[in-house]
Amino acid sequence: MRPSLEVADIIGTLADPATGTVPGLPTSATQRTVLRALLACRTSRLGAHVQQCDKCEHRSVAYNSCRNRHCPKCQAASRARWFEARRRDLLPVGYFHVVFTLPDQISPVALQNKRVLYEILFRAASDTLLQIAADPKHLGARIGFLCVLHTWGQTLVHHPHLHVIVPGGGLAADGTRWIASRPNYFVPVKVLSRVFRGKFLDYLGRAYRSGELTLTATLEHLAQPDHFGALLRELRAKPWVVYAKPPMAGPEQVLKYLARYTHRVAIANSRLVSLEQGRVAFRYKDYAHGDRERTLELEALEFLRRFLLHVLPRGFQRIRHYGLLANCCRRNKVALCRSLLARGAIGEQEDGDPVPPQAPLASIRCPQCGLGVMVTVEIIRSDSIVLASFAPRLDSS
C-alpha cells in the first residue's frame, strides 16, 4: 500500500524532473541523478510490466522501480536477495554489534571529502578491530565482521558512523581451534576508542599531507598546516565514541539486526507526517530523552538539502566484509569455523541456535484467487510500446 506521503512527493514540489536541478539548492551530478531516479520510481516514466496469475489468469500492471540505493521504496527486494546470500555465512555463536562514531568537528571535512573520509573511517575501524582482537591480551584470534556505513542522525543531520556486526570469537593463529569471547564481552571499548582515534587521525594526517583533501569555503583556513594541525590536536585530546551493544543470541536475531541497518536509507517514507505550505513534518526518536518520539518541521528546501547530504559518491561500497568474512576467503574460512564449532572446539561461549536453512525468495501471490503466482507476461516501455511478450505459464490442470 502506498504511503500517503513519500520523499518523491517532496522532491516533486522542488526539482525539475528532467534535469534534477533544484532552484536555490546547489547539487552535484550524482545528487541530481538520485533526484531524477526517485521522481521516476514506479511511474510511467520507467515503463511497466504486466503480470498474470498462473491459476486464474488475473492480470495487473506494475510500474517499474528505479532500484536506486538511496530510494526509500527500492530497498526491500535488494535486502531480501542480500540476506539470502549472507544467511549461509552465519555461525552458531553469539554476535556483537559495535558502533564507531566520528566527532562533530570532522563532519564538515567529511562533507567536502566524502570518498576520502568514508574510506578512512572503514580502514581505521577495521584495522582497530583486527588488531585488538588478535592481541593475546584481549581475544587472541583472527576475526571476521561486517561493516555498514550510515551518515545520518534521526533529524537528517550529517552524522557519519559505522555499524559493525562481529561474531563472538575467531580462529586461532594456526587455524586449529575456535577461540570464543566471553558470553557478554567482546573486547574493551575504551581500548577500541583510543586505537580507533589514533588510526583515524593518522590516516587523516596522511591524506592532508598528500593533498587528497579539498578544503574550500568555510574550511579554507584548514588548508594552512598550522590550522589543520590544531584541529588534529583538538580531536586527539577528546574521547571518541565507540560502543558495543549486548550480544545477539543466534542467527535469526542477527538477521533481524541486519534488517535494521544494511539497506536503510536516510529516512523512510513511513516517518513522513505532512507536507503543507512548503513545510515538511516528520517523526524522529529523541535519543537524549529516552528515545521519545517527536515531530520536527522543516522548510521543504531544507529537508531536501539534508536528505541530499547522505547521497554517497558514485560506486562507493557502503557494506563491506573484513577478516574471515572478506570476499577473497569467506567460503573456506566460514566452512573451517563451522567445522571447528561442530567439533566442540570452543572456549567460554555456548553454541547458539543452528543456522536456519535457506529459503527461496517469496513469490508474489495472486491477489484475486490467493492460490496462483503472478508471472510477468509483458514488458511495457515508457512510451507504451510492448518490448516483450511471454506466453503465460498456466497450470493445465
Protein backbone atom coordinates (compact mmCIF):
# COMPACT_ATOMS: atom_id res chain seq x y z
CA MET A 1 0.00 0.00 0.00
CA ARG A 2 1.39 3.40 -0.99
CA PRO A 3 2.11 5.74 1.95
CA SER A 4 0.09 8.94 2.00
CA LEU A 5 3.32 10.93 1.63
CA GLU A 6 6.64 9.96 0.05
CA VAL A 7 10.06 11.58 -0.27
CA ALA A 8 9.38 11.66 -4.03
CA ASP A 9 6.35 13.88 -3.41
CA ILE A 10 8.56 16.41 -1.62
CA ILE A 11 11.17 16.26 -4.37
CA GLY A 12 8.41 16.80 -6.94
CA THR A 13 7.49 20.16 -5.44
CA LEU A 14 11.05 21.47 -5.86
CA ALA A 15 13.04 19.61 -8.51
CA ASP A 16 12.86 19.64 -12.30
CA PRO A 17 12.01 16.02 -13.23
CA ALA A 18 14.03 16.21 -16.46
CA THR A 19 17.29 17.60 -15.04
CA GLY A 20 17.03 17.02 -11.28
CA THR A 21 18.02 20.63 -10.60
CA VAL A 22 16.52 22.41 -7.58
CA PRO A 23 16.26 26.22 -7.63
CA GLY A 24 18.12 27.67 -4.66
CA LEU A 25 19.95 24.42 -3.84
CA PRO A 26 23.36 23.63 -5.40
CA THR A 27 23.56 19.94 -6.30
CA SER A 28 26.19 17.61 -7.71
CA ALA A 29 25.69 15.42 -10.79
CA THR A 30 25.31 12.37 -8.53
CA GLN A 31 22.67 14.10 -6.40
CA ARG A 32 20.73 15.16 -9.50
CA THR A 33 20.80 11.56 -10.73
CA VAL A 34 19.30 10.42 -7.42
CA LEU A 35 16.56 13.06 -7.59
CA ARG A 36 15.59 12.06 -11.13
CA ALA A 37 15.54 8.39 -10.17
CA LEU A 38 13.30 8.93 -7.14
CA LEU A 39 10.91 11.09 -9.14
CA ALA A 40 10.60 8.43 -11.83
CA CYS A 41 10.40 5.42 -9.50
CA ARG A 42 7.23 3.37 -10.01
CA THR A 43 5.78 5.79 -12.52
CA SER A 44 5.09 5.52 -16.25
CA ARG A 45 8.45 7.19 -16.92
CA LEU A 46 10.23 3.89 -16.24
CA GLY A 47 7.72 1.72 -18.04
CA ALA A 48 5.86 -1.21 -16.55
CA HIS A 49 5.38 -4.93 -16.63
CA VAL A 50 2.15 -6.90 -16.92
CA GLN A 51 1.73 -9.82 -14.55
CA GLN A 52 -0.72 -12.69 -14.90
CA CYS A 53 -1.77 -15.32 -12.39
CA ASP A 54 -0.73 -18.84 -13.41
CA LYS A 55 -4.01 -20.18 -11.96
CA CYS A 56 -6.93 -17.82 -12.57
CA GLU A 57 -5.39 -15.58 -15.30
CA HIS A 58 -5.97 -12.42 -13.28
CA ARG A 59 -3.82 -9.59 -14.71
CA SER A 60 -2.27 -6.49 -13.18
CA VAL A 61 0.10 -3.76 -14.35
CA ALA A 62 3.02 -2.73 -12.12
CA TYR A 63 5.26 0.25 -12.76
CA ASN A 64 9.00 -0.44 -12.67
CA SER A 65 11.25 0.61 -9.78
CA CYS A 66 14.33 2.83 -10.09
CA ARG A 67 16.47 0.48 -7.95
CA ASN A 68 18.49 3.42 -6.70
CA ARG A 69 20.16 2.61 -3.38
CA HIS A 70 19.01 5.96 -1.92
CA CYS A 71 15.34 5.35 -2.77
CA PRO A 72 13.08 4.56 0.22
CA LYS A 73 10.85 2.36 -1.98
CA CYS A 74 13.50 0.14 -3.57
CA GLN A 75 15.30 -1.50 -0.64
CA ALA A 76 13.06 -4.44 0.25
CA ALA A 77 13.91 -6.63 -2.75
CA SER A 78 17.62 -5.79 -2.58
CA ARG A 79 17.65 -6.55 1.14
CA ALA A 80 15.92 -9.91 0.63
CA ARG A 81 18.42 -11.01 -2.02
CA TRP A 82 21.34 -9.84 0.11
CA PHE A 83 20.06 -11.67 3.20
CA GLU A 84 19.77 -14.96 1.35
CA ALA A 85 23.38 -14.61 0.20
CA ARG A 86 24.60 -13.77 3.72
CA ARG A 87 22.47 -16.29 5.61
CA ARG A 88 24.85 -19.12 4.77
CA ASP A 89 27.74 -17.21 6.36
CA LEU A 90 26.21 -17.05 9.84
CA LEU A 91 27.90 -19.06 12.56
CA PRO A 92 26.19 -20.74 15.55
CA VAL A 93 27.64 -18.27 18.08
CA GLY A 94 26.59 -15.04 19.70
CA TYR A 95 27.16 -11.85 17.71
CA PHE A 96 28.15 -8.38 18.91
CA HIS A 97 27.12 -5.02 17.49
CA VAL A 98 29.88 -2.39 17.67
CA VAL A 99 29.43 1.24 16.56
CA PHE A 100 32.27 3.62 15.59
CA THR A 101 31.26 7.30 15.52
CA LEU A 102 33.14 10.33 14.21
CA PRO A 103 33.26 13.56 16.28
CA ASP A 104 31.16 16.50 15.07
CA GLN A 105 34.28 18.54 14.22
CA ILE A 106 35.10 16.12 11.39
CA SER A 107 31.67 16.32 9.77
CA PRO A 108 32.36 19.49 7.67
CA VAL A 109 35.61 17.97 6.37
CA ALA A 110 33.80 14.73 5.55
CA LEU A 111 31.09 16.56 3.60
CA GLN A 112 33.69 18.12 1.30
CA ASN A 113 35.66 14.85 1.07
CA LYS A 114 33.11 12.05 1.30
CA ARG A 115 35.02 9.38 -0.57
CA VAL A 116 38.32 10.02 1.23
CA LEU A 117 36.89 10.39 4.75
CA TYR A 118 34.50 7.46 4.50
CA GLU A 119 37.33 5.25 3.21
CA ILE A 120 39.42 6.33 6.20
CA LEU A 121 36.52 5.53 8.54
CA PHE A 122 36.24 1.99 7.17
CA ARG A 123 40.00 1.47 7.26
CA ALA A 124 40.52 2.82 10.78
CA ALA A 125 37.62 0.85 12.26
CA SER A 126 38.52 -2.43 10.55
CA ASP A 127 42.22 -2.13 11.39
CA THR A 128 41.32 -1.41 15.01
CA LEU A 129 39.08 -4.45 15.40
CA LEU A 130 41.51 -6.81 13.68
CA GLN A 131 44.45 -5.54 15.76
CA ILE A 132 42.73 -5.61 19.17
CA ALA A 133 41.09 -8.99 18.59
CA ALA A 134 44.41 -10.53 17.52
CA ASP A 135 46.16 -9.28 20.67
CA PRO A 136 46.58 -12.20 23.14
CA LYS A 137 45.84 -9.76 25.99
CA HIS A 138 42.28 -9.48 24.66
CA LEU A 139 40.92 -12.24 22.39
CA GLY A 140 43.99 -13.54 20.58
CA ALA A 141 42.08 -14.61 17.49
CA ARG A 142 41.57 -13.81 13.82
CA ILE A 143 38.04 -12.49 13.46
CA GLY A 144 35.64 -11.61 10.67
CA PHE A 145 32.95 -8.94 10.59
CA LEU A 146 30.54 -6.89 8.52
CA CYS A 147 30.62 -3.06 8.40
CA VAL A 148 27.73 -0.83 7.28
CA LEU A 149 28.14 2.92 6.80
CA HIS A 150 25.41 5.29 7.98
CA THR A 151 25.84 9.03 7.54
CA TRP A 152 22.69 10.39 9.16
CA GLY A 153 21.15 11.13 12.52
CA GLN A 154 17.44 10.95 13.27
CA THR A 155 16.90 14.57 12.17
CA LEU A 156 18.87 14.03 8.91
CA VAL A 157 21.93 15.95 10.12
CA HIS A 158 25.29 14.67 8.93
CA HIS A 159 26.47 12.04 11.43
CA PRO A 160 28.90 9.52 9.91
CA HIS A 161 29.23 6.24 11.82
CA LEU A 162 29.85 2.55 11.19
CA HIS A 163 27.69 -0.32 12.41
CA VAL A 164 29.78 -3.47 12.80
CA ILE A 165 28.34 -6.96 13.30
CA VAL A 166 31.01 -9.35 14.57
CA PRO A 167 30.82 -12.99 15.77
CA GLY A 168 31.83 -13.56 19.37
CA GLY A 169 35.14 -15.24 18.68
CA GLY A 170 37.56 -16.18 15.91
CA LEU A 171 40.17 -18.60 14.66
CA ALA A 172 43.40 -19.30 16.48
CA ALA A 173 46.51 -18.18 14.61
CA ASP A 174 47.25 -21.74 13.49
CA GLY A 175 43.63 -22.29 12.39
CA THR A 176 43.19 -25.43 14.51
CA ARG A 177 40.61 -24.20 17.02
CA TRP A 178 37.88 -21.65 17.61
CA ILE A 179 38.61 -19.08 20.33
CA ALA A 180 35.39 -17.81 21.87
CA SER A 181 34.95 -14.47 23.53
CA ARG A 182 33.26 -14.22 26.89
CA PRO A 183 29.47 -14.57 26.59
CA ASN A 184 28.74 -10.91 27.35
CA TYR A 185 32.04 -9.25 26.49
CA PHE A 186 33.96 -8.96 23.25
CA VAL A 187 36.90 -6.54 23.62
CA PRO A 188 37.23 -3.39 25.82
CA VAL A 189 35.51 -0.42 24.21
CA LYS A 190 37.89 2.09 25.83
CA VAL A 191 40.81 0.41 24.11
CA LEU A 192 38.84 0.33 20.84
CA SER A 193 38.10 4.04 21.17
CA ARG A 194 41.72 5.06 21.76
CA VAL A 195 43.16 2.90 19.00
CA PHE A 196 40.42 3.93 16.54
CA ARG A 197 41.06 7.61 17.27
CA GLY A 198 44.80 7.19 16.74
CA LYS A 199 44.44 5.30 13.48
CA PHE A 200 41.81 7.63 12.03
CA LEU A 201 43.81 10.77 12.78
CA ASP A 202 46.97 9.18 11.43
CA TYR A 203 45.24 8.32 8.14
CA LEU A 204 43.62 11.77 8.05
CA GLY A 205 47.01 13.46 8.51
CA ARG A 206 48.48 11.38 5.69
CA ALA A 207 45.60 12.34 3.38
CA TYR A 208 46.17 16.01 4.18
CA ARG A 209 49.91 15.84 3.55
CA SER A 210 49.43 14.03 0.25
CA GLY A 211 46.98 16.67 -0.98
CA GLU A 212 43.95 14.35 -1.10
CA LEU A 213 41.65 16.69 0.83
CA THR A 214 39.54 19.50 -0.60
CA LEU A 215 39.28 22.38 1.86
CA THR A 216 37.29 25.31 0.49
CA ALA A 217 34.71 27.91 1.56
CA THR A 218 34.26 27.72 5.35
CA LEU A 219 37.14 25.23 5.60
CA GLU A 220 39.64 27.28 3.62
CA HIS A 221 41.59 28.15 6.77
CA LEU A 222 42.33 24.44 7.30
CA ALA A 223 44.43 24.47 4.15
CA GLN A 224 47.10 26.12 6.30
CA PRO A 225 49.19 23.46 8.10
CA ASP A 226 49.06 25.28 11.44
CA HIS A 227 45.27 25.34 11.48
CA PHE A 228 44.93 21.73 10.35
CA GLY A 229 47.47 20.67 12.97
CA ALA A 230 45.42 22.48 15.63
CA LEU A 231 42.32 20.55 14.52
CA LEU A 232 44.17 17.24 14.83
CA ARG A 233 45.40 18.14 18.33
CA GLU A 234 41.88 19.12 19.39
CA LEU A 235 40.49 15.83 18.09
CA ARG A 236 43.26 13.82 19.73
CA ALA A 237 42.56 15.41 23.11
CA LYS A 238 38.90 14.37 23.29
CA PRO A 239 37.39 10.90 23.78
CA TRP A 240 35.79 9.30 20.73
CA VAL A 241 32.50 7.41 20.93
CA VAL A 242 32.76 3.67 20.36
CA TYR A 243 30.23 1.39 22.00
CA ALA A 244 29.23 -2.26 21.89
CA LYS A 245 25.67 -3.44 22.33
CA PRO A 246 24.77 -6.64 24.22
CA PRO A 247 25.41 -9.80 22.19
CA MET A 248 22.75 -11.26 19.94
CA ALA A 249 21.95 -14.91 20.61
CA GLY A 250 21.60 -16.89 17.41
CA PRO A 251 21.48 -16.24 13.67
CA GLU A 252 17.79 -15.29 13.50
CA GLN A 253 18.35 -12.36 15.85
CA VAL A 254 21.40 -11.37 13.80
CA LEU A 255 19.25 -11.31 10.66
CA LYS A 256 16.76 -9.02 12.38
CA TYR A 257 19.60 -6.70 13.34
CA LEU A 258 20.93 -6.71 9.81
CA ALA A 259 17.45 -5.86 8.53
CA ARG A 260 17.61 -2.67 10.56
CA TYR A 261 20.98 -1.50 9.29
CA THR A 262 22.15 -2.85 5.94
CA HIS A 263 19.73 -1.38 3.40
CA ARG A 264 18.37 1.57 5.32
CA VAL A 265 18.22 4.99 3.68
CA ALA A 266 18.38 8.40 5.36
CA ILE A 267 14.63 8.50 6.01
CA ALA A 268 11.79 6.06 5.38
CA ASN A 269 8.52 7.22 3.86
CA SER A 270 6.73 5.91 6.94
CA ARG A 271 8.33 8.65 9.06
CA LEU A 272 6.86 11.48 6.97
CA VAL A 273 3.87 13.19 8.56
CA SER A 274 2.84 16.07 6.31
CA LEU A 275 3.76 18.44 3.51
CA GLU A 276 1.84 21.68 3.89
CA GLN A 277 2.56 25.23 2.71
CA GLY A 278 6.09 24.33 1.74
CA ARG A 279 6.97 22.73 5.09
CA VAL A 280 7.71 19.08 5.83
CA ALA A 281 6.97 17.40 9.16
CA PHE A 282 8.49 14.04 10.06
CA ARG A 283 8.88 11.82 13.11
CA TYR A 284 12.19 11.14 14.83
CA LYS A 285 13.45 9.49 18.02
CA ASP A 286 14.92 11.79 20.62
CA TYR A 287 17.75 9.62 21.94
CA ALA A 288 18.72 12.24 24.51
CA HIS A 289 15.34 11.86 26.22
CA GLY A 290 14.69 8.14 26.41
CA ASP A 291 14.06 7.54 22.68
CA ARG A 292 10.90 9.63 22.90
CA GLU A 293 9.18 10.07 19.53
CA ARG A 294 8.92 13.68 18.44
CA THR A 295 8.00 15.59 15.30
CA LEU A 296 10.30 18.01 13.50
CA GLU A 297 9.12 20.56 10.92
CA LEU A 298 11.45 21.94 8.25
CA GLU A 299 11.15 24.04 5.13
CA ALA A 300 10.89 21.66 2.18
CA LEU A 301 14.12 23.04 0.71
CA GLU A 302 15.97 22.45 3.99
CA PHE A 303 14.52 18.94 4.22
CA LEU A 304 15.80 18.18 0.73
CA ARG A 305 19.19 19.72 1.49
CA ARG A 306 19.56 17.42 4.50
CA PHE A 307 18.37 14.39 2.53
CA LEU A 308 20.98 15.03 -0.17
CA LEU A 309 23.77 15.21 2.41
CA HIS A 310 23.59 11.42 2.54
CA VAL A 311 23.95 10.67 -1.16
CA LEU A 312 27.12 8.60 -1.42
CA PRO A 313 29.82 9.05 -4.07
CA ARG A 314 29.14 7.06 -7.20
CA GLY A 315 30.28 3.44 -6.84
CA PHE A 316 31.13 3.77 -3.15
CA GLN A 317 30.57 0.49 -1.26
CA ARG A 318 28.72 1.12 2.00
CA ILE A 319 28.57 -2.57 3.07
CA ARG A 320 31.95 -4.28 3.47
CA HIS A 321 33.34 -7.53 4.87
CA TYR A 322 36.67 -7.99 6.63
CA GLY A 323 38.93 -10.65 8.10
CA LEU A 324 37.46 -14.14 7.93
CA LEU A 325 34.44 -12.75 6.08
CA ALA A 326 36.42 -10.95 3.36
CA ASN A 327 35.21 -11.90 -0.12
CA CYS A 328 38.54 -13.49 -1.07
CA CYS A 329 38.42 -16.16 1.65
CA ARG A 330 34.91 -16.15 3.15
CA ARG A 331 33.67 -19.50 1.87
CA ASN A 332 36.68 -21.51 3.07
CA LYS A 333 37.07 -19.67 6.39
CA VAL A 334 33.38 -19.94 7.29
CA ALA A 335 33.43 -23.65 6.50
CA LEU A 336 36.50 -24.10 8.72
CA CYS A 337 34.92 -22.15 11.59
CA ARG A 338 31.71 -24.15 11.34
CA SER A 339 33.68 -27.41 11.34
CA LEU A 340 35.63 -26.41 14.45
CA LEU A 341 32.47 -25.31 16.24
CA ALA A 342 30.73 -28.59 15.35
CA ARG A 343 33.62 -30.50 16.95
CA GLY A 344 33.14 -28.52 20.14
CA ALA A 345 36.46 -26.70 19.84
CA ILE A 346 35.17 -23.59 21.60
CA GLY A 347 36.07 -21.78 24.77
CA GLU A 348 33.76 -19.97 27.15
CA GLN A 349 30.85 -19.30 24.80
CA GLU A 350 28.00 -21.75 24.37
CA ASP A 351 26.65 -22.75 20.98
CA GLY A 352 23.90 -20.53 19.66
CA ASP A 353 20.95 -21.63 17.60
CA PRO A 354 21.65 -23.63 14.44
CA VAL A 355 21.98 -21.72 11.20
CA PRO A 356 18.48 -21.52 9.69
CA PRO A 357 18.03 -23.25 6.35
CA GLN A 358 17.96 -21.19 3.22
CA ALA A 359 14.57 -20.35 1.85
CA PRO A 360 13.72 -19.07 -1.63
CA LEU A 361 12.53 -15.52 -2.00
CA ALA A 362 8.79 -15.29 -1.58
CA SER A 363 6.77 -15.28 -4.82
CA ILE A 364 4.06 -12.71 -5.39
CA ARG A 365 0.74 -14.43 -4.75
CA CYS A 366 -2.31 -13.59 -6.82
CA PRO A 367 -4.47 -11.01 -5.01
CA GLN A 368 -7.57 -12.41 -6.76
CA CYS A 369 -7.52 -16.14 -6.03
CA GLY A 370 -4.68 -16.33 -3.48
CA LEU A 371 -3.54 -19.65 -4.98
CA GLY A 372 -1.57 -18.78 -8.07
CA VAL A 373 1.72 -16.94 -8.58
CA MET A 374 1.89 -13.69 -10.55
CA VAL A 375 4.09 -14.23 -13.63
CA THR A 376 5.40 -11.45 -15.90
CA VAL A 377 3.85 -11.81 -19.36
CA GLU A 378 4.57 -8.40 -20.94
CA ILE A 379 7.11 -5.61 -20.57
CA ILE A 380 5.93 -2.11 -21.48
CA ARG A 381 8.31 0.71 -22.26
CA SER A 382 7.63 4.22 -21.04
CA ASP A 383 6.15 5.19 -24.41
CA SER A 384 3.64 2.30 -24.10
CA ILE A 385 5.36 0.11 -26.70
CA VAL A 386 5.36 -3.55 -25.71
CA LEU A 387 9.03 -4.60 -25.64
CA ALA A 388 8.40 -8.28 -24.95
CA SER A 389 5.53 -10.64 -24.59
CA PHE A 390 5.68 -14.01 -22.91
CA ALA A 391 3.32 -16.95 -23.22
CA PRO A 392 1.51 -17.25 -19.89
CA ARG A 393 2.65 -20.29 -17.94
CA LEU A 394 -0.73 -21.55 -16.80
CA ASP A 395 -1.38 -24.77 -14.91
CA SER A 396 -3.04 -27.17 -17.37
CA SER A 397 -4.82 -28.94 -14.56
